[in-house]
N, C-alpha and C. Protein backbone atom coordinates (compact mmCIF):
# COMPACT_ATOMS: atom_id res chain seq x y z
N MET A 1 -34.79 -8.66 5.86
CA MET A 1 -33.97 -7.98 6.87
C MET A 1 -33.00 -7.01 6.16
N GLY A 2 -33.00 -5.74 6.59
CA GLY A 2 -32.11 -4.76 5.99
C GLY A 2 -30.66 -5.01 6.37
N ILE A 3 -29.77 -4.30 5.68
CA ILE A 3 -28.34 -4.51 5.93
C ILE A 3 -27.98 -4.16 7.37
N LEU A 4 -28.53 -3.04 7.88
CA LEU A 4 -28.20 -2.61 9.24
C LEU A 4 -28.67 -3.63 10.26
N ASN A 5 -29.87 -4.16 10.05
CA ASN A 5 -30.37 -5.19 10.96
C ASN A 5 -29.54 -6.46 10.88
N LYS A 6 -29.07 -6.77 9.69
CA LYS A 6 -28.23 -7.95 9.50
C LYS A 6 -26.92 -7.77 10.28
N ILE A 7 -26.37 -6.54 10.23
CA ILE A 7 -25.14 -6.27 10.97
C ILE A 7 -25.38 -6.44 12.47
N LYS A 8 -26.49 -5.85 12.95
CA LYS A 8 -26.80 -5.95 14.38
C LYS A 8 -27.00 -7.39 14.81
N SER A 9 -27.62 -8.16 13.92
CA SER A 9 -27.83 -9.58 14.20
C SER A 9 -26.50 -10.30 14.33
N LEU A 10 -25.57 -9.96 13.46
CA LEU A 10 -24.24 -10.57 13.52
C LEU A 10 -23.55 -10.20 14.83
N PHE A 11 -23.68 -8.94 15.24
CA PHE A 11 -23.06 -8.49 16.48
C PHE A 11 -23.65 -9.24 17.68
N ASP A 12 -24.99 -9.38 17.69
CA ASP A 12 -25.66 -10.04 18.80
C ASP A 12 -25.21 -11.48 18.95
N LYS A 13 -25.01 -12.16 17.83
CA LYS A 13 -24.59 -13.57 17.85
C LYS A 13 -23.08 -13.70 18.07
N ASN A 14 -22.36 -12.60 17.82
CA ASN A 14 -20.90 -12.63 17.85
C ASN A 14 -20.38 -13.76 16.96
N ASP A 15 -21.00 -13.88 15.80
CA ASP A 15 -20.71 -14.99 14.89
C ASP A 15 -20.35 -14.42 13.53
N PHE A 16 -19.19 -13.85 13.45
CA PHE A 16 -18.77 -13.22 12.21
C PHE A 16 -18.28 -14.28 11.21
N LYS A 17 -18.59 -14.04 9.96
CA LYS A 17 -18.11 -14.91 8.89
C LYS A 17 -17.26 -14.07 7.95
N GLY A 18 -17.06 -14.56 6.74
CA GLY A 18 -16.29 -13.80 5.76
C GLY A 18 -14.89 -13.49 6.25
N PHE A 19 -14.33 -12.39 5.74
CA PHE A 19 -12.97 -11.98 6.07
C PHE A 19 -12.80 -11.72 7.57
N ILE A 20 -13.76 -10.99 8.17
CA ILE A 20 -13.66 -10.62 9.59
C ILE A 20 -13.63 -11.86 10.47
N GLY A 21 -14.53 -12.81 10.20
CA GLY A 21 -14.57 -14.02 11.00
C GLY A 21 -13.35 -14.89 10.80
N HIS A 22 -12.89 -14.99 9.58
CA HIS A 22 -11.76 -15.87 9.25
C HIS A 22 -10.49 -15.45 10.00
N PHE A 23 -10.28 -14.14 10.13
CA PHE A 23 -9.07 -13.64 10.78
C PHE A 23 -9.31 -13.10 12.19
N ASP A 24 -10.49 -13.39 12.76
CA ASP A 24 -10.81 -12.98 14.13
C ASP A 24 -10.60 -11.49 14.35
N LEU A 25 -11.13 -10.69 13.43
CA LEU A 25 -10.97 -9.24 13.52
C LEU A 25 -12.26 -8.55 13.98
N ASP A 26 -13.13 -9.30 14.67
CA ASP A 26 -14.43 -8.76 15.06
C ASP A 26 -14.31 -7.57 16.01
N GLN A 27 -13.36 -7.59 16.94
CA GLN A 27 -13.24 -6.47 17.87
C GLN A 27 -12.82 -5.19 17.14
N TRP A 28 -11.87 -5.33 16.23
CA TRP A 28 -11.47 -4.17 15.41
C TRP A 28 -12.64 -3.67 14.58
N TRP A 29 -13.36 -4.55 13.93
CA TRP A 29 -14.50 -4.18 13.08
C TRP A 29 -15.56 -3.45 13.87
N GLU A 30 -15.87 -3.95 15.06
CA GLU A 30 -16.93 -3.35 15.88
C GLU A 30 -16.52 -1.99 16.42
N SER A 31 -15.27 -1.84 16.80
CA SER A 31 -14.84 -0.61 17.46
C SER A 31 -14.40 0.48 16.49
N GLU A 32 -13.91 0.10 15.31
CA GLU A 32 -13.29 1.06 14.40
C GLU A 32 -14.30 1.80 13.53
N PHE A 33 -15.39 1.13 13.16
CA PHE A 33 -16.33 1.70 12.20
C PHE A 33 -17.69 2.00 12.84
N SER A 34 -18.28 3.09 12.40
CA SER A 34 -19.65 3.40 12.85
C SER A 34 -20.63 2.45 12.19
N GLU A 35 -21.86 2.43 12.69
CA GLU A 35 -22.88 1.56 12.08
C GLU A 35 -23.09 1.92 10.61
N GLU A 36 -23.10 3.22 10.32
CA GLU A 36 -23.30 3.67 8.94
C GLU A 36 -22.13 3.23 8.05
N GLU A 37 -20.91 3.32 8.59
CA GLU A 37 -19.75 2.89 7.81
C GLU A 37 -19.80 1.40 7.53
N LYS A 38 -20.17 0.62 8.53
CA LYS A 38 -20.27 -0.83 8.34
C LYS A 38 -21.31 -1.17 7.27
N GLU A 39 -22.44 -0.52 7.35
CA GLU A 39 -23.48 -0.77 6.36
C GLU A 39 -22.99 -0.43 4.96
N TYR A 40 -22.27 0.66 4.85
CA TYR A 40 -21.77 1.11 3.55
C TYR A 40 -20.71 0.15 3.00
N ILE A 41 -19.79 -0.28 3.87
CA ILE A 41 -18.76 -1.22 3.45
C ILE A 41 -19.38 -2.53 2.97
N ILE A 42 -20.34 -3.04 3.72
CA ILE A 42 -20.99 -4.31 3.37
C ILE A 42 -21.79 -4.17 2.08
N SER A 43 -22.35 -3.01 1.84
CA SER A 43 -23.10 -2.82 0.59
C SER A 43 -22.19 -2.94 -0.63
N LYS A 44 -20.91 -2.59 -0.44
CA LYS A 44 -19.94 -2.70 -1.54
C LYS A 44 -19.26 -4.06 -1.57
N LYS A 45 -18.93 -4.58 -0.39
CA LYS A 45 -18.17 -5.84 -0.29
C LYS A 45 -18.77 -6.72 0.81
N PRO A 46 -19.90 -7.35 0.55
CA PRO A 46 -20.56 -8.17 1.59
C PRO A 46 -19.70 -9.30 2.11
N GLU A 47 -18.72 -9.75 1.30
CA GLU A 47 -17.86 -10.86 1.70
C GLU A 47 -17.05 -10.55 2.95
N ILE A 48 -17.02 -9.28 3.34
CA ILE A 48 -16.20 -8.93 4.50
C ILE A 48 -16.77 -9.57 5.77
N VAL A 49 -18.10 -9.78 5.84
CA VAL A 49 -18.71 -10.41 7.02
C VAL A 49 -19.63 -11.57 6.66
N GLU A 50 -19.69 -11.94 5.39
CA GLU A 50 -20.62 -12.99 4.96
C GLU A 50 -19.89 -14.11 4.23
N GLY A 51 -20.40 -15.31 4.35
CA GLY A 51 -19.89 -16.44 3.60
C GLY A 51 -18.51 -16.89 4.06
N SER A 52 -17.85 -17.65 3.21
CA SER A 52 -16.52 -18.16 3.51
C SER A 52 -15.47 -17.25 2.90
N TYR A 53 -14.31 -17.21 3.54
CA TYR A 53 -13.20 -16.43 3.00
C TYR A 53 -12.45 -17.31 2.02
N ASN A 54 -12.49 -16.94 0.75
CA ASN A 54 -11.95 -17.79 -0.31
C ASN A 54 -10.59 -17.36 -0.84
N TYR A 55 -10.03 -16.28 -0.27
CA TYR A 55 -8.76 -15.76 -0.79
C TYR A 55 -7.61 -16.32 0.03
N ILE A 56 -7.44 -17.64 0.00
CA ILE A 56 -6.47 -18.28 0.88
C ILE A 56 -5.03 -17.92 0.52
N ASP A 57 -4.81 -17.45 -0.71
CA ASP A 57 -3.46 -17.06 -1.13
C ASP A 57 -3.17 -15.59 -0.85
N LYS A 58 -4.07 -14.94 -0.15
CA LYS A 58 -3.95 -13.49 0.09
C LYS A 58 -3.88 -13.23 1.59
N SER A 59 -2.87 -12.52 2.02
CA SER A 59 -2.72 -12.19 3.44
C SER A 59 -3.82 -11.21 3.86
N PRO A 60 -4.13 -11.12 5.17
CA PRO A 60 -5.13 -10.14 5.61
C PRO A 60 -4.73 -8.71 5.28
N ALA A 61 -3.43 -8.41 5.36
CA ALA A 61 -2.96 -7.06 5.03
C ALA A 61 -3.19 -6.76 3.56
N LYS A 62 -2.89 -7.73 2.70
CA LYS A 62 -3.11 -7.55 1.26
C LYS A 62 -4.59 -7.37 0.95
N TYR A 63 -5.43 -8.15 1.60
CA TYR A 63 -6.88 -8.02 1.38
C TYR A 63 -7.35 -6.63 1.78
N LEU A 64 -6.91 -6.14 2.93
CA LEU A 64 -7.34 -4.81 3.40
C LEU A 64 -6.82 -3.71 2.48
N GLN A 65 -5.60 -3.87 2.00
CA GLN A 65 -5.05 -2.88 1.07
C GLN A 65 -5.90 -2.82 -0.20
N GLU A 66 -6.24 -3.98 -0.75
CA GLU A 66 -7.06 -4.01 -1.96
C GLU A 66 -8.47 -3.52 -1.68
N LEU A 67 -8.99 -3.85 -0.50
CA LEU A 67 -10.33 -3.37 -0.14
C LEU A 67 -10.35 -1.85 -0.05
N SER A 68 -9.27 -1.27 0.42
CA SER A 68 -9.21 0.20 0.56
C SER A 68 -9.40 0.90 -0.78
N LEU A 69 -9.04 0.23 -1.88
CA LEU A 69 -9.17 0.83 -3.20
C LEU A 69 -10.63 1.03 -3.59
N TRP A 70 -11.52 0.30 -2.95
CA TRP A 70 -12.96 0.49 -3.20
C TRP A 70 -13.46 1.78 -2.56
N PHE A 71 -12.64 2.37 -1.70
CA PHE A 71 -13.05 3.56 -0.94
C PHE A 71 -12.02 4.68 -1.09
N ASN A 72 -11.40 4.76 -2.27
CA ASN A 72 -10.31 5.73 -2.45
C ASN A 72 -10.77 7.06 -3.00
N THR A 73 -12.09 7.32 -2.97
CA THR A 73 -12.57 8.65 -3.33
C THR A 73 -12.42 9.58 -2.14
N LYS A 74 -12.47 10.85 -2.38
CA LYS A 74 -12.32 11.82 -1.30
C LYS A 74 -13.42 11.65 -0.25
N LYS A 75 -14.62 11.31 -0.72
CA LYS A 75 -15.76 11.13 0.18
C LYS A 75 -15.56 9.95 1.13
N ASP A 76 -14.92 8.90 0.64
CA ASP A 76 -14.78 7.68 1.41
C ASP A 76 -13.39 7.50 2.01
N SER A 77 -12.57 8.53 1.96
CA SER A 77 -11.15 8.37 2.32
C SER A 77 -10.95 7.98 3.78
N GLU A 78 -11.86 8.39 4.68
CA GLU A 78 -11.71 8.01 6.08
C GLU A 78 -11.80 6.50 6.24
N ILE A 79 -12.71 5.87 5.51
CA ILE A 79 -12.82 4.41 5.54
C ILE A 79 -11.55 3.80 4.98
N SER A 80 -11.07 4.32 3.87
CA SER A 80 -9.85 3.82 3.25
C SER A 80 -8.68 3.88 4.22
N LEU A 81 -8.54 4.98 4.95
CA LEU A 81 -7.42 5.13 5.87
C LEU A 81 -7.53 4.18 7.05
N LYS A 82 -8.74 3.92 7.52
CA LYS A 82 -8.92 2.96 8.61
C LYS A 82 -8.50 1.56 8.18
N LEU A 83 -8.85 1.21 6.95
CA LEU A 83 -8.46 -0.10 6.40
C LEU A 83 -6.94 -0.19 6.25
N LEU A 84 -6.33 0.88 5.74
CA LEU A 84 -4.89 0.88 5.53
C LEU A 84 -4.11 0.89 6.84
N ASN A 85 -4.62 1.59 7.84
CA ASN A 85 -3.95 1.60 9.14
C ASN A 85 -3.93 0.21 9.77
N LYS A 86 -5.04 -0.52 9.60
CA LYS A 86 -5.08 -1.89 10.12
C LYS A 86 -4.14 -2.78 9.31
N ALA A 87 -4.09 -2.58 8.00
CA ALA A 87 -3.16 -3.34 7.16
C ALA A 87 -1.73 -3.11 7.61
N ASP A 88 -1.40 -1.88 8.00
CA ASP A 88 -0.06 -1.54 8.47
C ASP A 88 0.30 -2.34 9.73
N GLU A 89 -0.70 -2.58 10.58
CA GLU A 89 -0.49 -3.38 11.79
C GLU A 89 -0.22 -4.85 11.47
N LEU A 90 -0.87 -5.35 10.42
CA LEU A 90 -0.88 -6.77 10.13
C LEU A 90 0.20 -7.22 9.14
N VAL A 91 0.71 -6.30 8.34
CA VAL A 91 1.56 -6.68 7.22
C VAL A 91 2.91 -7.22 7.68
N ASP A 92 3.31 -8.33 7.06
CA ASP A 92 4.63 -8.92 7.32
C ASP A 92 5.53 -8.81 6.09
N ASP A 93 4.94 -8.95 4.93
CA ASP A 93 5.71 -8.96 3.68
C ASP A 93 6.17 -7.54 3.35
N ILE A 94 7.47 -7.38 3.13
CA ILE A 94 8.03 -6.03 2.97
C ILE A 94 7.59 -5.38 1.66
N VAL A 95 7.36 -6.16 0.61
CA VAL A 95 6.89 -5.58 -0.66
C VAL A 95 5.43 -5.16 -0.53
N GLU A 96 4.62 -5.97 0.15
CA GLU A 96 3.23 -5.57 0.43
C GLU A 96 3.22 -4.26 1.22
N LYS A 97 4.13 -4.16 2.19
CA LYS A 97 4.20 -2.95 3.01
C LYS A 97 4.51 -1.73 2.13
N HIS A 98 5.42 -1.90 1.19
CA HIS A 98 5.79 -0.83 0.26
C HIS A 98 4.56 -0.32 -0.49
N PHE A 99 3.79 -1.23 -1.07
CA PHE A 99 2.63 -0.81 -1.86
C PHE A 99 1.49 -0.29 -0.97
N MET A 100 1.42 -0.77 0.25
CA MET A 100 0.43 -0.25 1.17
C MET A 100 0.73 1.21 1.51
N TYR A 101 2.03 1.52 1.70
CA TYR A 101 2.41 2.91 1.97
C TYR A 101 2.09 3.81 0.77
N ASN A 102 2.16 3.27 -0.45
CA ASN A 102 1.74 4.04 -1.62
C ASN A 102 0.33 4.60 -1.42
N GLU A 103 -0.58 3.71 -1.01
CA GLU A 103 -1.98 4.11 -0.84
C GLU A 103 -2.15 5.06 0.34
N MET A 104 -1.39 4.84 1.40
CA MET A 104 -1.49 5.73 2.57
C MET A 104 -1.03 7.14 2.21
N ILE A 105 0.06 7.23 1.45
CA ILE A 105 0.56 8.54 1.03
C ILE A 105 -0.48 9.24 0.16
N LYS A 106 -0.96 8.53 -0.84
CA LYS A 106 -1.90 9.11 -1.80
C LYS A 106 -3.18 9.57 -1.11
N THR A 107 -3.73 8.71 -0.25
CA THR A 107 -5.01 9.03 0.40
C THR A 107 -4.88 10.19 1.36
N ASN A 108 -3.81 10.21 2.16
CA ASN A 108 -3.62 11.31 3.10
C ASN A 108 -3.33 12.63 2.38
N TYR A 109 -2.52 12.57 1.33
CA TYR A 109 -2.13 13.80 0.65
C TYR A 109 -3.32 14.46 -0.05
N LYS A 110 -4.26 13.63 -0.51
CA LYS A 110 -5.48 14.17 -1.11
C LYS A 110 -6.23 15.08 -0.14
N LYS A 111 -6.14 14.76 1.16
CA LYS A 111 -6.92 15.46 2.18
C LYS A 111 -6.08 16.50 2.93
N ARG A 112 -4.90 16.83 2.41
CA ARG A 112 -3.97 17.69 3.14
C ARG A 112 -4.54 19.07 3.45
N ASN A 113 -5.44 19.56 2.60
CA ASN A 113 -6.00 20.90 2.82
C ASN A 113 -7.19 20.90 3.76
N GLU A 114 -7.67 19.72 4.13
CA GLU A 114 -8.80 19.64 5.04
C GLU A 114 -8.37 19.76 6.50
N ASP A 115 -7.22 19.18 6.79
CA ASP A 115 -6.74 19.16 8.18
C ASP A 115 -5.24 18.89 8.14
N GLU A 116 -4.50 19.58 8.98
CA GLU A 116 -3.05 19.42 9.00
C GLU A 116 -2.61 18.01 9.33
N LYS A 117 -3.47 17.26 10.04
CA LYS A 117 -3.09 15.90 10.42
C LYS A 117 -2.86 15.02 9.19
N TYR A 118 -3.64 15.27 8.13
CA TYR A 118 -3.48 14.46 6.92
C TYR A 118 -2.15 14.78 6.22
N TYR A 119 -1.78 16.03 6.25
CA TYR A 119 -0.49 16.46 5.70
C TYR A 119 0.65 15.77 6.45
N ASN A 120 0.56 15.77 7.79
CA ASN A 120 1.59 15.14 8.60
C ASN A 120 1.60 13.62 8.43
N GLN A 121 0.42 13.03 8.28
CA GLN A 121 0.34 11.58 8.08
C GLN A 121 0.91 11.19 6.72
N ALA A 122 0.72 12.03 5.72
CA ALA A 122 1.31 11.77 4.41
C ALA A 122 2.83 11.78 4.51
N ILE A 123 3.38 12.74 5.23
CA ILE A 123 4.83 12.81 5.42
C ILE A 123 5.34 11.58 6.17
N MET A 124 4.62 11.18 7.22
CA MET A 124 5.03 10.00 7.99
C MET A 124 5.04 8.74 7.12
N ALA A 125 4.02 8.61 6.27
CA ALA A 125 3.95 7.45 5.38
C ALA A 125 5.10 7.46 4.37
N CYS A 126 5.44 8.66 3.87
CA CYS A 126 6.60 8.79 2.97
C CYS A 126 7.87 8.33 3.68
N GLU A 127 8.05 8.79 4.90
CA GLU A 127 9.26 8.45 5.65
C GLU A 127 9.34 6.96 5.96
N LYS A 128 8.20 6.35 6.27
CA LYS A 128 8.16 4.91 6.53
C LYS A 128 8.53 4.12 5.27
N GLN A 129 7.99 4.58 4.13
CA GLN A 129 8.28 3.88 2.88
C GLN A 129 9.75 4.04 2.50
N ILE A 130 10.30 5.22 2.71
CA ILE A 130 11.71 5.46 2.40
C ILE A 130 12.62 4.64 3.31
N LYS A 131 12.23 4.46 4.54
CA LYS A 131 13.04 3.72 5.52
C LYS A 131 13.28 2.28 5.06
N ILE A 132 12.31 1.68 4.37
CA ILE A 132 12.45 0.29 3.94
C ILE A 132 12.81 0.17 2.46
N ALA A 133 13.05 1.31 1.80
CA ALA A 133 13.19 1.32 0.33
C ALA A 133 14.32 0.44 -0.17
N ASP A 134 15.49 0.48 0.49
CA ASP A 134 16.63 -0.31 0.00
C ASP A 134 16.35 -1.80 0.11
N LYS A 135 15.69 -2.23 1.20
CA LYS A 135 15.36 -3.64 1.37
C LYS A 135 14.28 -4.08 0.39
N VAL A 136 13.33 -3.16 0.11
CA VAL A 136 12.29 -3.46 -0.87
C VAL A 136 12.90 -3.66 -2.25
N MET A 137 13.84 -2.80 -2.61
CA MET A 137 14.50 -2.93 -3.91
C MET A 137 15.21 -4.27 -4.02
N GLU A 138 15.93 -4.65 -2.98
CA GLU A 138 16.62 -5.95 -2.98
C GLU A 138 15.63 -7.10 -3.15
N GLU A 139 14.51 -7.03 -2.45
CA GLU A 139 13.52 -8.10 -2.51
C GLU A 139 12.83 -8.15 -3.86
N MET A 140 12.55 -6.99 -4.44
CA MET A 140 11.94 -6.96 -5.77
C MET A 140 12.86 -7.61 -6.82
N LYS A 141 14.15 -7.30 -6.73
CA LYS A 141 15.11 -7.89 -7.65
C LYS A 141 15.18 -9.41 -7.46
N LYS A 142 15.21 -9.82 -6.21
CA LYS A 142 15.28 -11.25 -5.89
C LYS A 142 14.08 -11.99 -6.47
N ARG A 143 12.89 -11.43 -6.28
CA ARG A 143 11.69 -12.09 -6.78
C ARG A 143 11.64 -12.10 -8.30
N HIS A 144 12.14 -11.03 -8.90
CA HIS A 144 12.18 -10.97 -10.36
C HIS A 144 13.03 -12.11 -10.92
N TYR A 145 14.20 -12.32 -10.35
CA TYR A 145 15.09 -13.35 -10.86
C TYR A 145 14.63 -14.75 -10.46
N GLU A 146 13.90 -14.85 -9.35
CA GLU A 146 13.31 -16.15 -9.00
C GLU A 146 12.25 -16.55 -10.02
N ARG A 147 11.53 -15.56 -10.53
CA ARG A 147 10.55 -15.86 -11.59
C ARG A 147 11.27 -16.33 -12.85
N GLY A 148 12.50 -15.86 -13.05
CA GLY A 148 13.30 -16.35 -14.17
C GLY A 148 13.54 -17.84 -14.07
N LYS A 149 13.76 -18.33 -12.85
CA LYS A 149 13.95 -19.77 -12.64
C LYS A 149 12.68 -20.53 -13.01
N THR A 150 11.53 -19.96 -12.65
CA THR A 150 10.25 -20.61 -12.99
C THR A 150 10.06 -20.67 -14.49
N ILE A 151 10.38 -19.58 -15.18
CA ILE A 151 10.27 -19.54 -16.65
C ILE A 151 11.17 -20.60 -17.26
N LEU A 152 12.38 -20.74 -16.69
CA LEU A 152 13.35 -21.69 -17.21
C LEU A 152 12.80 -23.12 -17.19
N GLU A 153 11.99 -23.43 -16.18
CA GLU A 153 11.42 -24.77 -16.07
C GLU A 153 10.46 -25.09 -17.22
N TYR A 154 9.90 -24.04 -17.83
CA TYR A 154 8.91 -24.24 -18.89
C TYR A 154 9.51 -24.26 -20.29
N ILE A 155 10.79 -23.95 -20.41
CA ILE A 155 11.34 -23.89 -21.76
C ILE A 155 12.34 -25.02 -22.03
N SER A 156 12.29 -26.04 -21.20
CA SER A 156 12.98 -27.31 -21.45
C SER A 156 14.46 -27.16 -21.76
N GLY A 157 15.13 -26.30 -21.03
CA GLY A 157 16.57 -26.20 -21.19
C GLY A 157 17.04 -25.55 -22.47
N GLU A 158 16.15 -24.87 -23.19
CA GLU A 158 16.55 -24.20 -24.43
C GLU A 158 17.46 -23.01 -24.16
N LYS A 159 17.36 -22.45 -22.95
CA LYS A 159 18.20 -21.32 -22.58
C LYS A 159 18.73 -21.54 -21.18
N THR A 160 19.83 -20.88 -20.87
CA THR A 160 20.33 -20.89 -19.50
C THR A 160 19.56 -19.85 -18.68
N LEU A 161 19.69 -19.92 -17.36
CA LEU A 161 19.04 -18.94 -16.49
C LEU A 161 19.56 -17.54 -16.79
N GLU A 162 20.85 -17.43 -17.06
CA GLU A 162 21.42 -16.11 -17.38
C GLU A 162 20.80 -15.54 -18.65
N GLU A 163 20.57 -16.38 -19.64
CA GLU A 163 19.95 -15.93 -20.90
C GLU A 163 18.50 -15.53 -20.69
N VAL A 164 17.80 -16.29 -19.86
CA VAL A 164 16.41 -15.94 -19.54
C VAL A 164 16.35 -14.57 -18.90
N ASN A 165 17.23 -14.34 -17.94
CA ASN A 165 17.22 -13.05 -17.23
C ASN A 165 17.70 -11.89 -18.11
N GLU A 166 18.57 -12.18 -19.06
CA GLU A 166 18.99 -11.14 -20.01
C GLU A 166 17.82 -10.72 -20.89
N ASP A 167 16.94 -11.67 -21.20
CA ASP A 167 15.78 -11.37 -22.04
C ASP A 167 14.73 -10.56 -21.29
N ARG A 168 14.78 -10.60 -19.99
CA ARG A 168 13.78 -9.89 -19.17
C ARG A 168 14.50 -9.16 -18.04
N PRO A 169 15.26 -8.11 -18.36
CA PRO A 169 16.01 -7.40 -17.32
C PRO A 169 15.08 -6.75 -16.29
N PHE A 170 15.58 -6.63 -15.09
CA PHE A 170 14.80 -6.00 -14.02
C PHE A 170 14.65 -4.51 -14.31
N ARG A 171 13.42 -4.03 -14.21
CA ARG A 171 13.14 -2.59 -14.38
C ARG A 171 12.47 -2.10 -13.10
N SER A 172 13.10 -1.15 -12.48
CA SER A 172 12.56 -0.63 -11.22
C SER A 172 11.33 0.22 -11.46
N SER A 173 10.49 0.27 -10.45
CA SER A 173 9.31 1.12 -10.51
C SER A 173 9.65 2.50 -9.95
N SER A 174 8.69 3.39 -10.00
CA SER A 174 8.86 4.68 -9.35
C SER A 174 8.68 4.49 -7.84
N HIS A 175 9.00 5.50 -7.08
CA HIS A 175 8.87 5.42 -5.62
C HIS A 175 8.09 6.63 -5.13
N ARG A 176 6.85 6.38 -4.74
CA ARG A 176 5.96 7.48 -4.35
C ARG A 176 6.49 8.24 -3.13
N GLY A 177 7.06 7.52 -2.18
CA GLY A 177 7.53 8.18 -0.96
C GLY A 177 8.65 9.18 -1.23
N PHE A 178 9.66 8.74 -1.98
CA PHE A 178 10.75 9.66 -2.33
C PHE A 178 10.22 10.86 -3.12
N LYS A 179 9.39 10.58 -4.13
CA LYS A 179 8.90 11.65 -4.99
C LYS A 179 8.02 12.63 -4.23
N GLN A 180 7.05 12.10 -3.46
CA GLN A 180 6.12 12.99 -2.77
C GLN A 180 6.83 13.83 -1.70
N LEU A 181 7.74 13.20 -0.99
CA LEU A 181 8.45 13.95 0.05
C LEU A 181 9.37 15.00 -0.58
N ALA A 182 9.95 14.69 -1.74
CA ALA A 182 10.77 15.69 -2.44
C ALA A 182 9.92 16.89 -2.86
N ILE A 183 8.70 16.62 -3.32
CA ILE A 183 7.78 17.69 -3.70
C ILE A 183 7.44 18.55 -2.47
N ILE A 184 7.13 17.88 -1.37
CA ILE A 184 6.77 18.59 -0.14
C ILE A 184 7.93 19.47 0.34
N LYS A 185 9.12 18.90 0.37
CA LYS A 185 10.28 19.65 0.86
C LYS A 185 10.63 20.81 -0.07
N HIS A 186 10.42 20.63 -1.37
CA HIS A 186 10.68 21.73 -2.31
C HIS A 186 9.71 22.89 -2.03
N LYS A 187 8.44 22.55 -1.81
CA LYS A 187 7.45 23.60 -1.52
C LYS A 187 7.74 24.29 -0.20
N GLU A 188 8.36 23.57 0.73
CA GLU A 188 8.71 24.15 2.02
C GLU A 188 10.03 24.93 1.96
N GLY A 189 10.68 24.89 0.80
CA GLY A 189 11.94 25.61 0.64
C GLY A 189 13.14 24.89 1.25
N LYS A 190 13.01 23.60 1.50
CA LYS A 190 14.10 22.82 2.10
C LYS A 190 14.85 22.11 0.98
N TYR A 191 15.63 22.88 0.25
CA TYR A 191 16.21 22.38 -1.00
C TYR A 191 17.33 21.36 -0.79
N LYS A 192 18.08 21.50 0.30
CA LYS A 192 19.12 20.50 0.58
C LYS A 192 18.49 19.13 0.82
N GLU A 193 17.36 19.12 1.52
CA GLU A 193 16.66 17.86 1.78
C GLU A 193 16.14 17.25 0.48
N VAL A 194 15.69 18.11 -0.42
CA VAL A 194 15.24 17.64 -1.74
C VAL A 194 16.39 16.93 -2.45
N ILE A 195 17.54 17.58 -2.46
CA ILE A 195 18.72 17.03 -3.15
C ILE A 195 19.14 15.70 -2.52
N ASP A 196 19.15 15.66 -1.19
CA ASP A 196 19.55 14.43 -0.49
C ASP A 196 18.58 13.28 -0.80
N LEU A 197 17.28 13.58 -0.80
CA LEU A 197 16.27 12.56 -1.09
C LEU A 197 16.42 12.02 -2.52
N CYS A 198 16.60 12.93 -3.46
CA CYS A 198 16.69 12.52 -4.86
C CYS A 198 17.97 11.73 -5.13
N LYS A 199 19.05 12.13 -4.51
CA LYS A 199 20.31 11.39 -4.67
C LYS A 199 20.18 9.98 -4.09
N LYS A 200 19.51 9.88 -2.96
CA LYS A 200 19.32 8.58 -2.32
C LYS A 200 18.44 7.67 -3.18
N ALA A 201 17.35 8.24 -3.71
CA ALA A 201 16.45 7.46 -4.57
C ALA A 201 17.18 6.98 -5.82
N LYS A 202 17.96 7.86 -6.40
CA LYS A 202 18.72 7.51 -7.62
C LYS A 202 19.75 6.43 -7.32
N LYS A 203 20.45 6.55 -6.22
CA LYS A 203 21.48 5.58 -5.84
C LYS A 203 20.88 4.20 -5.63
N GLN A 204 19.68 4.16 -5.04
CA GLN A 204 19.03 2.88 -4.79
C GLN A 204 18.45 2.26 -6.07
N GLY A 205 18.31 3.08 -7.11
CA GLY A 205 17.85 2.55 -8.39
C GLY A 205 16.39 2.74 -8.71
N TRP A 206 15.70 3.60 -7.95
CA TRP A 206 14.29 3.85 -8.22
C TRP A 206 14.12 4.74 -9.44
N ASN A 207 13.14 4.41 -10.25
CA ASN A 207 12.88 5.17 -11.47
C ASN A 207 12.28 6.53 -11.12
N GLY A 208 12.76 7.59 -11.78
CA GLY A 208 12.22 8.92 -11.52
C GLY A 208 13.08 10.00 -12.15
N ASP A 209 12.52 11.21 -12.18
CA ASP A 209 13.24 12.35 -12.77
C ASP A 209 14.11 13.03 -11.71
N TRP A 210 14.95 12.22 -11.07
CA TRP A 210 15.72 12.71 -9.92
C TRP A 210 16.70 13.80 -10.30
N ASP A 211 17.36 13.67 -11.45
CA ASP A 211 18.35 14.67 -11.87
C ASP A 211 17.68 16.04 -12.08
N LYS A 212 16.50 16.04 -12.68
CA LYS A 212 15.79 17.30 -12.91
C LYS A 212 15.39 17.94 -11.59
N ARG A 213 14.96 17.12 -10.63
CA ARG A 213 14.57 17.66 -9.32
C ARG A 213 15.78 18.21 -8.59
N ILE A 214 16.90 17.52 -8.71
CA ILE A 214 18.14 18.02 -8.09
C ILE A 214 18.54 19.35 -8.72
N GLU A 215 18.46 19.42 -10.03
CA GLU A 215 18.85 20.64 -10.74
C GLU A 215 17.96 21.83 -10.33
N ARG A 216 16.64 21.59 -10.22
CA ARG A 216 15.73 22.67 -9.80
C ARG A 216 16.04 23.12 -8.39
N ALA A 217 16.34 22.16 -7.50
CA ALA A 217 16.64 22.51 -6.12
C ALA A 217 17.95 23.29 -6.01
N GLU A 218 18.93 22.94 -6.81
CA GLU A 218 20.24 23.60 -6.76
C GLU A 218 20.18 25.05 -7.25
N LYS A 219 19.17 25.39 -8.02
CA LYS A 219 19.01 26.75 -8.51
C LYS A 219 18.47 27.71 -7.45
N ASN A 220 17.99 27.17 -6.34
CA ASN A 220 17.41 28.00 -5.30
C ASN A 220 18.40 28.26 -4.16
């Protein structure tokens, strides 16, 4: 039985397994993707509708975000965006949401010259990521220092928690939303918005060349 026939057989039985069956996402799967898209997705990741779902430590949003990376080429970007849009609906964890917006920004911006909607969607994803940025930073710091407590349990009291955390200081990551939106606004000639974005990113503690971007914007 070919893959397409296998898919049709699954539809006829309404007996989905794998990721789709585990999280009761059959209606979304059936309505969101064409037959050709389903066949293509299954050819890459058959576990989406076959077998048991074994990633019990992974949320459905996290699974979809990671699955989207299998389709992050320009040719497959429509599939990637459909997966990410569903992840956006399902995600509860604020740090997962932050990294999901990374992929949404990147995927939409790649296609900005194909259709204006992708350009606008990239901007919207930047704005969504920026909206939660301060809370994400707080949560990242909290989780970093909580891992310090876990490390402390393994070193038998040789160091205090403060000493453990001094040995592994928190280092912030870059922020795609702030950076990409600053680039977009600079190209649009909206230099005050560039300056405001970069100052906000710097104040929150995100890693980036914010001072250089501010300096370039102030020259215009």
